[in-house]
């Protein structure tokens, strides 16, 4: 949930008593931007992890991936047909 991290941070800092209320107000002002940065980092990390696992399972067509990332328009691939072409007998 967006903003829930700030609630936890504010509760923790209030318990410790080391940060004044004005400091919490400053943190609240930039929390929205920090939240967006965390979301972008999470999306990029998920994409990288997906590619790493797919490559380790030999489930990614690097030629097609390169062509799509270069901007080439390709028709969608049916996963069932692709699996049968490779003799895997399972869907990807």
C-alpha atoms as a PDB file:
ATOM      1  CA  UNK A   1       0.000   0.000   0.000  1.00  0.00           C
ATOM      2  CA  UNK A   2       1.275   3.388  -0.934  1.00  0.00           C
ATOM      3  CA  UNK A   3       2.144   5.504   2.084  1.00  0.00           C
ATOM      4  CA  UNK A   4       2.098   2.645   4.574  1.00  0.00           C
ATOM      5  CA  UNK A   5       5.877   2.786   4.831  1.00  0.00           C
ATOM      6  CA  UNK A   6       5.629   6.338   6.120  1.00  0.00           C
ATOM      7  CA  UNK A   7       3.192   5.290   8.847  1.00  0.00           C
ATOM      8  CA  UNK A   8       5.588   2.597  10.035  1.00  0.00           C
ATOM      9  CA  UNK A   9       8.535   4.998   9.863  1.00  0.00           C
ATOM     10  CA  UNK A  10       6.650   7.696  11.776  1.00  0.00           C
ATOM     11  CA  UNK A  11       5.595   5.208  14.450  1.00  0.00           C
ATOM     12  CA  UNK A  12       9.130   3.914  14.858  1.00  0.00           C
ATOM     13  CA  UNK A  13      10.680   7.369  15.016  1.00  0.00           C
ATOM     14  CA  UNK A  14       8.021   8.599  17.454  1.00  0.00           C
ATOM     15  CA  UNK A  15       8.826   5.682  19.746  1.00  0.00           C
ATOM     16  CA  UNK A  16      12.544   6.442  19.645  1.00  0.00           C
ATOM     17  CA  UNK A  17      11.918  10.153  20.169  1.00  0.00           C
ATOM     18  CA  UNK A  18      14.995  11.116  18.205  1.00  0.00           C
ATOM     19  CA  UNK A  19      13.288  12.977  15.338  1.00  0.00           C
ATOM     20  CA  UNK A  20      11.179  16.118  15.916  1.00  0.00           C
ATOM     21  CA  UNK A  21       7.708  16.491  14.411  1.00  0.00           C
ATOM     22  CA  UNK A  22       9.046  19.040  11.900  1.00  0.00           C
ATOM     23  CA  UNK A  23      11.381  16.359  10.593  1.00  0.00           C
ATOM     24  CA  UNK A  24       8.461  13.995  10.063  1.00  0.00           C
ATOM     25  CA  UNK A  25       6.640  16.722   8.126  1.00  0.00           C
ATOM     26  CA  UNK A  26       9.655  17.085   5.845  1.00  0.00           C
ATOM     27  CA  UNK A  27       9.780  13.322   5.288  1.00  0.00           C
ATOM     28  CA  UNK A  28       6.039  13.296   4.524  1.00  0.00           C
ATOM     29  CA  UNK A  29       6.611  15.949   1.853  1.00  0.00           C
ATOM     30  CA  UNK A  30       9.059  13.803  -0.072  1.00  0.00           C
ATOM     31  CA  UNK A  31       7.506  10.409   0.685  1.00  0.00           C
ATOM     32  CA  UNK A  32       5.366  10.483  -2.474  1.00  0.00           C
ATOM     33  CA  UNK A  33       8.434  10.863  -4.688  1.00  0.00           C
ATOM     34  CA  UNK A  34      10.285   8.206  -2.724  1.00  0.00           C
ATOM     35  CA  UNK A  35       7.313   5.869  -3.151  1.00  0.00           C
ATOM     36  CA  UNK A  36       7.379   6.344  -6.921  1.00  0.00           C
ATOM     37  CA  UNK A  37      11.111   5.619  -6.939  1.00  0.00           C
ATOM     38  CA  UNK A  38      10.571   2.420  -4.948  1.00  0.00           C
ATOM     39  CA  UNK A  39       7.836   1.332  -7.373  1.00  0.00           C
ATOM     40  CA  UNK A  40      10.055   1.901 -10.417  1.00  0.00           C
ATOM     41  CA  UNK A  41      12.918   0.028  -8.764  1.00  0.00           C
ATOM     42  CA  UNK A  42      10.567  -2.857  -7.953  1.00  0.00           C
ATOM     43  CA  UNK A  43       9.290  -3.079 -11.546  1.00  0.00           C
ATOM     44  CA  UNK A  44      12.813  -3.059 -12.982  1.00  0.00           C
ATOM     45  CA  UNK A  45      13.924  -5.716 -10.486  1.00  0.00           C
ATOM     46  CA  UNK A  46      10.960  -7.922 -11.360  1.00  0.00           C
ATOM     47  CA  UNK A  47      11.762  -7.641 -15.065  1.00  0.00           C
ATOM     48  CA  UNK A  48      15.423  -8.509 -14.548  1.00  0.00           C
ATOM     49  CA  UNK A  49      14.547 -11.476 -12.319  1.00  0.00           C
ATOM     50  CA  UNK A  50      12.063 -12.727 -14.914  1.00  0.00           C
ATOM     51  CA  UNK A  51      14.706 -12.651 -17.632  1.00  0.00           C
ATOM     52  CA  UNK A  52      17.305 -14.358 -15.429  1.00  0.00           C
ATOM     53  CA  UNK A  53      14.947 -17.220 -14.536  1.00  0.00           C
ATOM     54  CA  UNK A  54      13.692 -17.543 -18.124  1.00  0.00           C
ATOM     55  CA  UNK A  55      17.258 -17.765 -19.446  1.00  0.00           C
ATOM     56  CA  UNK A  56      18.242 -20.329 -16.834  1.00  0.00           C
ATOM     57  CA  UNK A  57      15.239 -22.450 -17.872  1.00  0.00           C
ATOM     58  CA  UNK A  58      15.984 -21.952 -21.590  1.00  0.00           C
ATOM     59  CA  UNK A  59      12.487 -20.497 -21.956  1.00  0.00           C
ATOM     60  CA  UNK A  60      13.389 -17.272 -23.726  1.00  0.00           C
ATOM     61  CA  UNK A  61      13.936 -16.767 -27.446  1.00  0.00           C
ATOM     62  CA  UNK A  62      16.895 -14.362 -27.426  1.00  0.00           C
ATOM     63  CA  UNK A  63      16.598 -13.677 -31.173  1.00  0.00           C
ATOM     64  CA  UNK A  64      12.948 -12.646 -30.794  1.00  0.00           C
ATOM     65  CA  UNK A  65      13.696 -10.669 -27.621  1.00  0.00           C
ATOM     66  CA  UNK A  66      16.453  -8.709 -29.355  1.00  0.00           C
ATOM     67  CA  UNK A  67      14.225  -7.989 -32.372  1.00  0.00           C
ATOM     68  CA  UNK A  68      11.360  -6.752 -30.178  1.00  0.00           C
ATOM     69  CA  UNK A  69      13.677  -4.570 -28.062  1.00  0.00           C
ATOM     70  CA  UNK A  70      15.050  -3.082 -31.285  1.00  0.00           C
ATOM     71  CA  UNK A  71      11.512  -1.926 -32.087  1.00  0.00           C
ATOM     72  CA  UNK A  72      10.525  -4.508 -34.667  1.00  0.00           C
ATOM     73  CA  UNK A  73       6.796  -5.328 -34.745  1.00  0.00           C
ATOM     74  CA  UNK A  74       6.326  -9.105 -34.476  1.00  0.00           C
ATOM     75  CA  UNK A  75       3.134 -11.141 -34.259  1.00  0.00           C
ATOM     76  CA  UNK A  76       2.356 -12.712 -30.847  1.00  0.00           C
ATOM     77  CA  UNK A  77       3.577 -16.234 -30.180  1.00  0.00           C
ATOM     78  CA  UNK A  78       1.161 -18.904 -29.033  1.00  0.00           C
ATOM     79  CA  UNK A  79       2.906 -20.603 -26.076  1.00  0.00           C
ATOM     80  CA  UNK A  80       1.322 -24.005 -26.806  1.00  0.00           C
ATOM     81  CA  UNK A  81       2.571 -24.023 -30.399  1.00  0.00           C
ATOM     82  CA  UNK A  82       6.028 -22.827 -29.351  1.00  0.00           C
ATOM     83  CA  UNK A  83       6.354 -25.614 -26.759  1.00  0.00           C
ATOM     84  CA  UNK A  84       5.299 -28.253 -29.299  1.00  0.00           C
ATOM     85  CA  UNK A  85       7.831 -26.955 -31.827  1.00  0.00           C
ATOM     86  CA  UNK A  86      10.609 -27.536 -29.313  1.00  0.00           C
ATOM     87  CA  UNK A  87       9.270 -30.972 -28.365  1.00  0.00           C
ATOM     88  CA  UNK A  88       8.784 -29.970 -24.745  1.00  0.00           C
ATOM     89  CA  UNK A  89       5.220 -31.248 -24.463  1.00  0.00           C
ATOM     90  CA  UNK A  90       4.331 -28.501 -21.990  1.00  0.00           C
ATOM     91  CA  UNK A  91       3.209 -24.908 -22.181  1.00  0.00           C
ATOM     92  CA  UNK A  92       5.612 -22.130 -21.306  1.00  0.00           C
END
